[in-house]
C-alpha atoms as a PDB file:
ATOM      1  CA  MET A   1      -0.177  -0.193  -0.055  1.00  0.00           C
ATOM      2  CA  LYS A   2       1.635   3.241  -1.207  1.00  0.00           C
ATOM      3  CA  PHE A   3      -1.077   5.930  -1.008  1.00  0.00           C
ATOM      4  CA  CYS A   4      -3.892   6.924   1.291  1.00  0.00           C
ATOM      5  CA  SER A   5      -7.692   6.073   0.231  1.00  0.00           C
ATOM      6  CA  GLN A   6      -8.750   8.932   1.980  1.00  0.00           C
ATOM      7  CA  CYS A   7      -6.694  11.766   0.722  1.00  0.00           C
ATOM      8  CA  GLY A   8      -4.204  10.327  -1.999  1.00  0.00           C
ATOM      9  CA  ASN A   9      -1.162  11.403  -0.264  1.00  0.00           C
ATOM     10  CA  PRO A  10       1.854   8.785   0.308  1.00  0.00           C
ATOM     11  CA  LEU A  11       1.734   6.415   3.232  1.00  0.00           C
ATOM     12  CA  SER A  12       4.555   5.653   5.743  1.00  0.00           C
ATOM     13  CA  GLN A  13       5.021   2.727   8.095  1.00  0.00           C
ATOM     14  CA  LYS A  14       5.185   3.357  11.634  1.00  0.00           C
ATOM     15  CA  ILE A  15       3.588   2.040  14.981  1.00  0.00           C
ATOM     16  CA  PRO A  16       0.703   4.614  15.769  1.00  0.00           C
ATOM     17  CA  GLN A  17       0.342   5.740  19.231  1.00  0.00           C
ATOM     18  CA  GLY A  18      -1.503   3.278  21.474  1.00  0.00           C
ATOM     19  CA  ASP A  19      -0.781   0.498  18.927  1.00  0.00           C
ATOM     20  CA  ASN A  20       1.868  -2.192  19.256  1.00  0.00           C
ATOM     21  CA  ARG A  21       2.065  -3.192  15.249  1.00  0.00           C
ATOM     22  CA  LEU A  22       3.668  -1.608  12.294  1.00  0.00           C
ATOM     23  CA  ARG A  23       0.724   0.127  10.175  1.00  0.00           C
ATOM     24  CA  HIS A  24       0.514   2.164   6.947  1.00  0.00           C
ATOM     25  CA  VAL A  25      -0.295   5.691   7.862  1.00  0.00           C
ATOM     26  CA  CYS A  26      -0.974   8.886   6.131  1.00  0.00           C
ATOM     27  CA  ASP A  27       1.586  11.646   7.162  1.00  0.00           C
ATOM     28  CA  GLN A  28      -1.118  14.228   5.745  1.00  0.00           C
ATOM     29  CA  CYS A  29      -4.306  13.149   7.082  1.00  0.00           C
ATOM     30  CA  GLN A  30      -3.225  10.753  10.055  1.00  0.00           C
ATOM     31  CA  THR A  31      -5.576   8.053   8.670  1.00  0.00           C
ATOM     32  CA  ILE A  32      -4.289   4.598   9.902  1.00  0.00           C
ATOM     33  CA  HIS A  33      -4.992   1.824   7.216  1.00  0.00           C
ATOM     34  CA  TYR A  34      -5.311  -1.409   8.973  1.00  0.00           C
ATOM     35  CA  GLN A  35      -4.703  -4.582   7.034  1.00  0.00           C
ATOM     36  CA  ASN A  36      -6.464  -7.684   8.593  1.00  0.00           C
ATOM     37  CA  PRO A  37      -6.637 -11.318   7.614  1.00  0.00           C
ATOM     38  CA  ARG A  38      -9.230 -12.374   4.846  1.00  0.00           C
ATOM     39  CA  ILE A  39     -11.658 -14.923   5.590  1.00  0.00           C
ATOM     40  CA  VAL A  40     -12.140 -17.961   2.944  1.00  0.00           C
ATOM     41  CA  ALA A  41     -15.494 -19.684   3.391  1.00  0.00           C
ATOM     42  CA  GLY A  42     -16.552 -22.772   1.588  1.00  0.00           C
ATOM     43  CA  CYS A  43     -18.375 -26.153   1.805  1.00  0.00           C
ATOM     44  CA  LEU A  44     -17.558 -29.731   1.822  1.00  0.00           C
ATOM     45  CA  PRO A  45     -20.632 -30.797  -0.161  1.00  0.00           C
ATOM     46  CA  VAL A  46     -21.749 -34.422   0.584  1.00  0.00           C
ATOM     47  CA  TRP A  47     -23.945 -36.649  -1.258  1.00  0.00           C
ATOM     48  CA  GLN A  48     -24.472 -40.139   0.299  1.00  0.00           C
ATOM     49  CA  GLN A  49     -20.829 -41.569   0.401  1.00  0.00           C
ATOM     50  CA  GLN A  50     -19.275 -39.066  -2.010  1.00  0.00           C
ATOM     51  CA  VAL A  51     -17.879 -35.460  -2.049  1.00  0.00           C
ATOM     52  CA  LEU A  52     -18.076 -32.843  -4.580  1.00  0.00           C
ATOM     53  CA  LEU A  53     -14.769 -31.215  -5.847  1.00  0.00           C
ATOM     54  CA  CYS A  54     -14.052 -28.426  -8.322  1.00  0.00           C
ATOM     55  CA  ARG A  55     -11.246 -28.207 -10.669  1.00  0.00           C
ATOM     56  CA  ARG A  56      -9.953 -24.718 -10.694  1.00  0.00           C
ATOM     57  CA  ALA A  57      -9.988 -22.540 -13.764  1.00  0.00           C
ATOM     58  CA  ILE A  58      -8.378 -19.656 -12.072  1.00  0.00           C
ATOM     59  CA  GLN A  59      -4.783 -19.011 -10.361  1.00  0.00           C
ATOM     60  CA  PRO A  60      -3.589 -19.651  -7.968  1.00  0.00           C
ATOM     61  CA  ARG A  61      -3.431 -23.433  -8.506  1.00  0.00           C
ATOM     62  CA  TYR A  62      -5.034 -23.765 -11.790  1.00  0.00           C
ATOM     63  CA  GLY A  63      -6.287 -27.018 -13.030  1.00  0.00           C
ATOM     64  CA  LEU A  64      -6.045 -28.533  -9.359  1.00  0.00           C
ATOM     65  CA  TRP A  65      -8.910 -29.803  -7.345  1.00  0.00           C
ATOM     66  CA  THR A  66     -10.640 -28.178  -4.372  1.00  0.00           C
ATOM     67  CA  LEU A  67     -13.809 -27.694  -2.346  1.00  0.00           C
ATOM     68  CA  PRO A  68     -16.041 -24.726  -3.460  1.00  0.00           C
ATOM     69  CA  ALA A  69     -14.584 -21.874  -1.376  1.00  0.00           C
ATOM     70  CA  GLY A  70     -13.705 -18.394  -1.784  1.00  0.00           C
ATOM     71  CA  PHE A  71     -13.307 -15.066  -0.053  1.00  0.00           C
ATOM     72  CA  MET A  72     -16.146 -13.720   2.062  1.00  0.00           C
ATOM     73  CA  GLU A  73     -17.769 -10.453   0.894  1.00  0.00           C
ATOM     74  CA  ASN A  74     -18.778  -7.625   2.994  1.00  0.00           C
ATOM     75  CA  GLY A  75     -22.480  -7.608   4.160  1.00  0.00           C
ATOM     76  CA  GLU A  76     -22.681 -11.567   4.358  1.00  0.00           C
ATOM     77  CA  THR A  77     -22.445 -14.068   6.924  1.00  0.00           C
ATOM     78  CA  VAL A  78     -19.767 -16.706   6.902  1.00  0.00           C
ATOM     79  CA  GLU A  79     -22.565 -19.296   6.014  1.00  0.00           C
ATOM     80  CA  GLN A  80     -23.866 -17.047   3.461  1.00  0.00           C
ATOM     81  CA  ALA A  81     -20.523 -16.899   1.866  1.00  0.00           C
ATOM     82  CA  ALA A  82     -20.041 -20.472   1.848  1.00  0.00           C
ATOM     83  CA  ILE A  83     -23.157 -21.078   0.123  1.00  0.00           C
ATOM     84  CA  ARG A  84     -22.726 -18.200  -2.382  1.00  0.00           C
ATOM     85  CA  GLU A  85     -19.169 -19.761  -3.166  1.00  0.00           C
ATOM     86  CA  THR A  86     -20.692 -23.280  -3.721  1.00  0.00           C
ATOM     87  CA  LEU A  87     -23.241 -21.840  -6.055  1.00  0.00           C
ATOM     88  CA  GLU A  88     -20.659 -19.759  -8.013  1.00  0.00           C
ATOM     89  CA  GLU A  89     -18.026 -22.572  -8.314  1.00  0.00           C
ATOM     90  CA  ALA A  90     -20.248 -25.490  -8.408  1.00  0.00           C
ATOM     91  CA  CYS A  91     -23.709 -24.460  -9.460  1.00  0.00           C
ATOM     92  CA  ALA A  92     -24.795 -26.404  -6.510  1.00  0.00           C
ATOM     93  CA  ARG A  93     -27.231 -25.719  -3.750  1.00  0.00           C
ATOM     94  CA  VAL A  94     -26.491 -26.864  -0.238  1.00  0.00           C
ATOM     95  CA  ARG A  95     -28.481 -27.481   3.008  1.00  0.00           C
ATOM     96  CA  LYS A  96     -27.747 -28.408   6.540  1.00  0.00           C
ATOM     97  CA  LEU A  97     -24.478 -26.464   6.909  1.00  0.00           C
ATOM     98  CA  SER A  98     -22.289 -27.090   9.932  1.00  0.00           C
ATOM     99  CA  LEU A  99     -19.017 -25.383  10.637  1.00  0.00           C
ATOM    100  CA  TYR A 100     -16.450 -28.128  10.192  1.00  0.00           C
ATOM    101  CA  THR A 101     -12.769 -27.016   9.823  1.00  0.00           C
ATOM    102  CA  LEU A 102     -11.161 -23.734  10.863  1.00  0.00           C
ATOM    103  CA  PHE A 103      -7.847 -23.176   9.650  1.00  0.00           C
ATOM    104  CA  ASP A 104      -5.293 -20.152  10.394  1.00  0.00           C
ATOM    105  CA  LEU A 105      -2.862 -19.339   7.606  1.00  0.00           C
ATOM    106  CA  PRO A 106      -0.960 -16.423   9.098  1.00  0.00           C
ATOM    107  CA  HIS A 107       1.982 -16.554   6.789  1.00  0.00           C
ATOM    108  CA  ILE A 108      -0.778 -15.416   4.222  1.00  0.00           C
ATOM    109  CA  ASN A 109      -3.075 -13.712   6.263  1.00  0.00           C
ATOM    110  CA  GLN A 110      -6.108 -15.891   5.721  1.00  0.00           C
ATOM    111  CA  VAL A 111      -8.454 -17.759   7.791  1.00  0.00           C
ATOM    112  CA  TYR A 112     -10.525 -20.793   6.202  1.00  0.00           C
ATOM    113  CA  MET A 113     -13.998 -21.527   7.464  1.00  0.00           C
ATOM    114  CA  LEU A 114     -15.394 -24.829   5.674  1.00  0.00           C
ATOM    115  CA  PHE A 115     -18.743 -26.075   6.468  1.00  0.00           C
ATOM    116  CA  ARG A 116     -19.898 -29.661   6.054  1.00  0.00           C
ATOM    117  CA  ALA A 117     -23.154 -29.585   3.780  1.00  0.00           C
ATOM    118  CA  GLU A 118     -25.534 -31.733   2.123  1.00  0.00           C
ATOM    119  CA  LEU A 119     -26.287 -31.290  -1.552  1.00  0.00           C
ATOM    120  CA  ALA A 120     -29.767 -30.355  -2.182  1.00  0.00           C
ATOM    121  CA  ASP A 121     -29.733 -32.348  -5.322  1.00  0.00           C
ATOM    122  CA  LEU A 122     -27.300 -33.658  -8.220  1.00  0.00           C
ATOM    123  CA  ASP A 123     -28.071 -30.519 -10.092  1.00  0.00           C
ATOM    124  CA  PHE A 124     -24.536 -29.289 -10.209  1.00  0.00           C
ATOM    125  CA  ALA A 125     -22.217 -27.852 -12.892  1.00  0.00           C
ATOM    126  CA  ALA A 126     -18.919 -26.184 -13.518  1.00  0.00           C
ATOM    127  CA  GLY A 127     -19.193 -22.487 -12.509  1.00  0.00           C
ATOM    128  CA  GLU A 128     -17.101 -19.650 -14.110  1.00  0.00           C
ATOM    129  CA  GLU A 129     -14.182 -20.283 -11.840  1.00  0.00           C
ATOM    130  CA  SER A 130     -14.190 -24.107 -12.177  1.00  0.00           C
ATOM    131  CA  LEU A 131     -13.040 -26.220 -15.393  1.00  0.00           C
ATOM    132  CA  GLU A 132     -15.286 -29.172 -13.942  1.00  0.00           C
ATOM    133  CA  VAL A 133     -16.997 -30.339 -10.927  1.00  0.00           C
ATOM    134  CA  GLN A 134     -17.224 -34.097  -9.885  1.00  0.00           C
ATOM    135  CA  LEU A 135     -18.630 -36.237  -7.095  1.00  0.00           C
ATOM    136  CA  PHE A 136     -15.854 -38.597  -5.565  1.00  0.00           C
ATOM    137  CA  ASP A 137     -15.685 -41.612  -3.507  1.00  0.00           C
ATOM    138  CA  GLU A 138     -12.962 -41.596  -0.988  1.00  0.00           C
ATOM    139  CA  ALA A 139     -10.908 -44.246  -3.031  1.00  0.00           C
ATOM    140  CA  ASP A 140     -10.925 -41.955  -5.910  1.00  0.00           C
ATOM    141  CA  ILE A 141     -10.016 -38.418  -4.258  1.00  0.00           C
ATOM    142  CA  PRO A 142      -7.053 -37.120  -6.510  1.00  0.00           C
ATOM    143  CA  TRP A 143      -4.878 -36.522  -3.099  1.00  0.00           C
ATOM    144  CA  SER A 144      -1.763 -35.300  -5.290  1.00  0.00           C
ATOM    145  CA  GLU A 145      -4.097 -32.926  -7.429  1.00  0.00           C
ATOM    146  CA  LEU A 146      -5.515 -31.061  -4.468  1.00  0.00           C
ATOM    147  CA  ALA A 147      -4.799 -27.252  -4.689  1.00  0.00           C
ATOM    148  CA  PHE A 148      -4.515 -26.403  -0.906  1.00  0.00           C
ATOM    149  CA  PRO A 149      -3.264 -28.036   2.302  1.00  0.00           C
ATOM    150  CA  THR A 150      -6.494 -26.976   3.857  1.00  0.00           C
ATOM    151  CA  ILE A 151      -8.547 -28.874   1.436  1.00  0.00           C
ATOM    152  CA  GLY A 152      -6.617 -31.990   2.042  1.00  0.00           C
ATOM    153  CA  ARG A 153      -6.798 -31.627   5.718  1.00  0.00           C
ATOM    154  CA  THR A 154     -10.688 -31.176   5.649  1.00  0.00           C
ATOM    155  CA  LEU A 155     -11.074 -34.297   3.516  1.00  0.00           C
ATOM    156  CA  GLU A 156      -8.764 -36.227   5.863  1.00  0.00           C
ATOM    157  CA  TYR A 157     -10.862 -35.414   8.655  1.00  0.00           C
ATOM    158  CA  PHE A 158     -14.151 -35.968   7.148  1.00  0.00           C
ATOM    159  CA  PHE A 159     -13.168 -39.637   5.946  1.00  0.00           C
ATOM    160  CA  ALA A 160     -11.894 -40.340   9.244  1.00  0.00           C
ATOM    161  CA  ASP A 161     -14.738 -38.714  11.194  1.00  0.00           C
ATOM    162  CA  ARG A 162     -17.186 -40.509   9.012  1.00  0.00           C
ATOM    163  CA  GLN A 163     -16.026 -43.888  10.635  1.00  0.00           C
ATOM    164  CA  THR A 164     -17.833 -42.732  13.635  1.00  0.00           C
ATOM    165  CA  GLU A 165     -20.385 -40.445  12.479  1.00  0.00           C
ATOM    166  CA  LEU A 166     -19.083 -37.701  14.864  1.00  0.00           C
ATOM    167  CA  TYR A 167     -18.006 -34.446  13.106  1.00  0.00           C
ATOM    168  CA  PRO A 168     -16.382 -32.255  15.669  1.00  0.00           C
ATOM    169  CA  LEU A 169     -15.294 -28.803  14.772  1.00  0.00           C
ATOM    170  CA  ARG A 170     -11.630 -28.956  13.940  1.00  0.00           C
ATOM    171  CA  ASN A 171      -9.228 -26.019  14.590  1.00  0.00           C
ATOM    172  CA  GLU A 172      -5.538 -25.834  13.478  1.00  0.00           C
ATOM    173  CA  SER A 173      -2.961 -23.488  12.184  1.00  0.00           C
ATOM    174  CA  ILE A 174      -1.141 -24.254   8.985  1.00  0.00           C
ATOM    175  CA  GLY A 175       2.221 -23.034   8.443  1.00  0.00           C
ATOM    176  CA  PRO A 176       4.089 -22.093   5.263  1.00  0.00           C
ATOM    177  CA  PRO A 177       5.331 -24.485   3.020  1.00  0.00           C
ATOM    178  CA  PRO A 178       9.102 -25.284   3.125  1.00  0.00           C
ATOM    179  CA  GLY A 179      10.975 -22.654   1.432  1.00  0.00           C
ATOM    180  CA  HIS A 180       8.234 -19.918   1.735  1.00  0.00           C
ATOM    181  CA  HIS A 181       9.338 -16.400   2.285  1.00  0.00           C
ATOM    182  CA  LYS A 182       6.485 -13.880   3.320  1.00  0.00           C
ATOM    183  CA  LYS A 183       6.575 -10.657   1.310  1.00  0.00           C
ATOM    184  CA  VAL A 184       7.056  -7.734   3.726  1.00  0.00           C
END
C-alpha cells in the first residue's frame, strides 16, 4: 500500500500511538490503514458417500482440485459466503450446513472456515471459476492434485470422522510450505 485512500497522499509505515504493530499511516491526514486477515468460506458438499470437488479454472493453483470456497464479501455471514461460493463455483445448492474446519494461515493472512453440507440435489455444473466439478468416493480422491493444504486436511478429517459419524469442529494452524518467504 503506497497511497492513502482518504486523501491520496503517500503513506509511511510506523507504529501509531497506543498501538503495538507496524501500520500504514498517512502523514497528511493521519488515517491509519489497517490490514487484517481475509476470510475464506466454503463447503464440503456431501451426497451419500461422495464429496463434490471443483477443478480450478483460475490462479492460483489452476487445474487442481478444491472444495468450493472463496473470499467472504462485506455484508454477508460466513454461512452465506459458503453457500454463495458453492453456487458460484459448482452451481450447487447445499443445505444443513455445519461449521467443520477452521484453519489459521498467518503466513498468508487468511482464515479458512469450511462447512460440512448436504447437496440439495444432483443438479450441479462447473461455474465460471471451475473447469469441471465431480463427485468422488474416498478411494477416488485425487490427493496429489489437491490445490491447498486446507482442502486435503478437511477431506482427511471428514473420511476419518465418517467412520464414527461424529464430526467435531476441527481447528488448527497451517504454517508456510518449506522455502516460503513472506513478502514484507
